[in-house]
C-alpha atoms as a PDB file:
ATOM      1  CA  MET A   1     -43.325-119.812 -27.799  1.00  0.00           C
ATOM      2  CA  PHE A   2     -46.577-120.299 -25.420  1.00  0.00           C
ATOM      3  CA  LYS A   3     -44.599-119.086 -22.571  1.00  0.00           C
ATOM      4  CA  PHE A   4     -43.944-116.085 -24.670  1.00  0.00           C
ATOM      5  CA  LEU A   5     -47.697-115.804 -25.640  1.00  0.00           C
ATOM      6  CA  LYS A   6     -48.842-116.013 -21.649  1.00  0.00           C
ATOM      7  CA  ASN A   7     -46.345-112.991 -21.256  1.00  0.00           C
ATOM      8  CA  VAL A   8     -47.653-111.322 -23.389  1.00  0.00           C
ATOM      9  CA  SER A   9     -51.596-112.190 -22.311  1.00  0.00           C
ATOM     10  CA  ARG A  10     -50.593-111.163 -18.898  1.00  0.00           C
ATOM     11  CA  GLU A  11     -49.098-107.871 -19.869  1.00  0.00           C
ATOM     12  CA  MET A  12     -52.075-106.856 -22.040  1.00  0.00           C
ATOM     13  CA  LYS A  13     -54.173-107.828 -18.898  1.00  0.00           C
ATOM     14  CA  LYS A  14     -51.798-104.207 -17.280  1.00  0.00           C
ATOM     15  CA  VAL A  15     -51.942-101.696 -20.124  1.00  0.00           C
ATOM     16  CA  SER A  16     -54.547 -98.732 -19.472  1.00  0.00           C
ATOM     17  CA  TRP A  17     -56.482 -98.666 -22.567  1.00  0.00           C
ATOM     18  CA  PRO A  18     -58.351 -95.448 -23.401  1.00  0.00           C
ATOM     19  CA  LYS A  19     -62.052 -94.621 -22.294  1.00  0.00           C
ATOM     20  CA  GLY A  20     -64.446 -94.086 -25.281  1.00  0.00           C
ATOM     21  CA  LYS A  21     -64.313 -90.222 -24.910  1.00  0.00           C
ATOM     22  CA  GLU A  22     -60.272 -89.969 -25.264  1.00  0.00           C
ATOM     23  CA  LEU A  23     -60.371 -92.419 -28.022  1.00  0.00           C
ATOM     24  CA  THR A  24     -62.827 -90.061 -29.515  1.00  0.00           C
ATOM     25  CA  SER A  25     -60.783 -87.026 -29.033  1.00  0.00           C
ATOM     26  CA  TYR A  26     -57.245 -88.592 -30.094  1.00  0.00           C
ATOM     27  CA  THR A  27     -58.982 -89.628 -32.923  1.00  0.00           C
ATOM     28  CA  VAL A  28     -59.958 -86.133 -33.958  1.00  0.00           C
ATOM     29  CA  VAL A  29     -56.408 -85.128 -33.197  1.00  0.00           C
ATOM     30  CA  VAL A  30     -54.268 -87.489 -35.544  1.00  0.00           C
ATOM     31  CA  ILE A  31     -57.165 -87.334 -38.628  1.00  0.00           C
ATOM     32  CA  SER A  32     -57.036 -83.367 -38.710  1.00  0.00           C
ATOM     33  CA  THR A  33     -52.693 -83.459 -37.821  1.00  0.00           C
ATOM     34  CA  VAL A  34     -52.622 -85.969 -40.597  1.00  0.00           C
ATOM     35  CA  VAL A  35     -54.838 -83.738 -42.812  1.00  0.00           C
ATOM     36  CA  PHE A  36     -53.166 -79.692 -41.652  1.00  0.00           C
ATOM     37  CA  MET A  37     -50.017 -81.502 -42.935  1.00  0.00           C
ATOM     38  CA  ALA A  38     -50.760 -82.605 -46.053  1.00  0.00           C
ATOM     39  CA  VAL A  39     -52.657 -79.792 -47.089  1.00  0.00           C
ATOM     40  CA  PHE A  40     -49.148 -77.788 -46.124  1.00  0.00           C
ATOM     41  CA  PHE A  41     -46.983 -80.166 -47.966  1.00  0.00           C
ATOM     42  CA  GLY A  42     -49.084 -79.870 -50.709  1.00  0.00           C
ATOM     43  CA  LEU A  43     -49.131 -75.871 -50.689  1.00  0.00           C
ATOM     44  CA  ILE A  44     -45.490 -76.056 -50.331  1.00  0.00           C
ATOM     45  CA  ASP A  45     -45.138 -78.554 -53.539  1.00  0.00           C
ATOM     46  CA  LEU A  46     -47.176 -76.330 -55.787  1.00  0.00           C
ATOM     47  CA  GLY A  47     -44.816 -73.732 -54.284  1.00  0.00           C
ATOM     48  CA  ILE A  48     -41.538 -75.035 -55.210  1.00  0.00           C
ATOM     49  CA  SER A  49     -43.208 -76.290 -58.507  1.00  0.00           C
ATOM     50  CA  GLU A  50     -44.779 -72.967 -59.478  1.00  0.00           C
ATOM     51  CA  LEU A  51     -41.156 -71.240 -58.557  1.00  0.00           C
ATOM     52  CA  LEU A  52     -39.195 -73.510 -60.555  1.00  0.00           C
ATOM     53  CA  ASN A  53     -41.387 -73.186 -63.478  1.00  0.00           C
ATOM     54  CA  LEU A  54     -40.884 -69.452 -63.461  1.00  0.00           C
ATOM     55  CA  PHE A  55     -36.930 -70.876 -63.749  1.00  0.00           C
ATOM     56  CA  PHE A  56     -36.854 -73.023 -66.158  1.00  0.00           C
END
């Protein structure tokens, strides 16, 4: 177990972490994509629901 944790620690030191500006831009991209997809699928769901209400 300790060998595993030591190896994990060693590998984590090799990781290239994003800088503050990169992190901010990545965060904005992820949040805007999630919001866009939520609105898109919400509108699709609303449209399908209304279409089904017209038929039934």
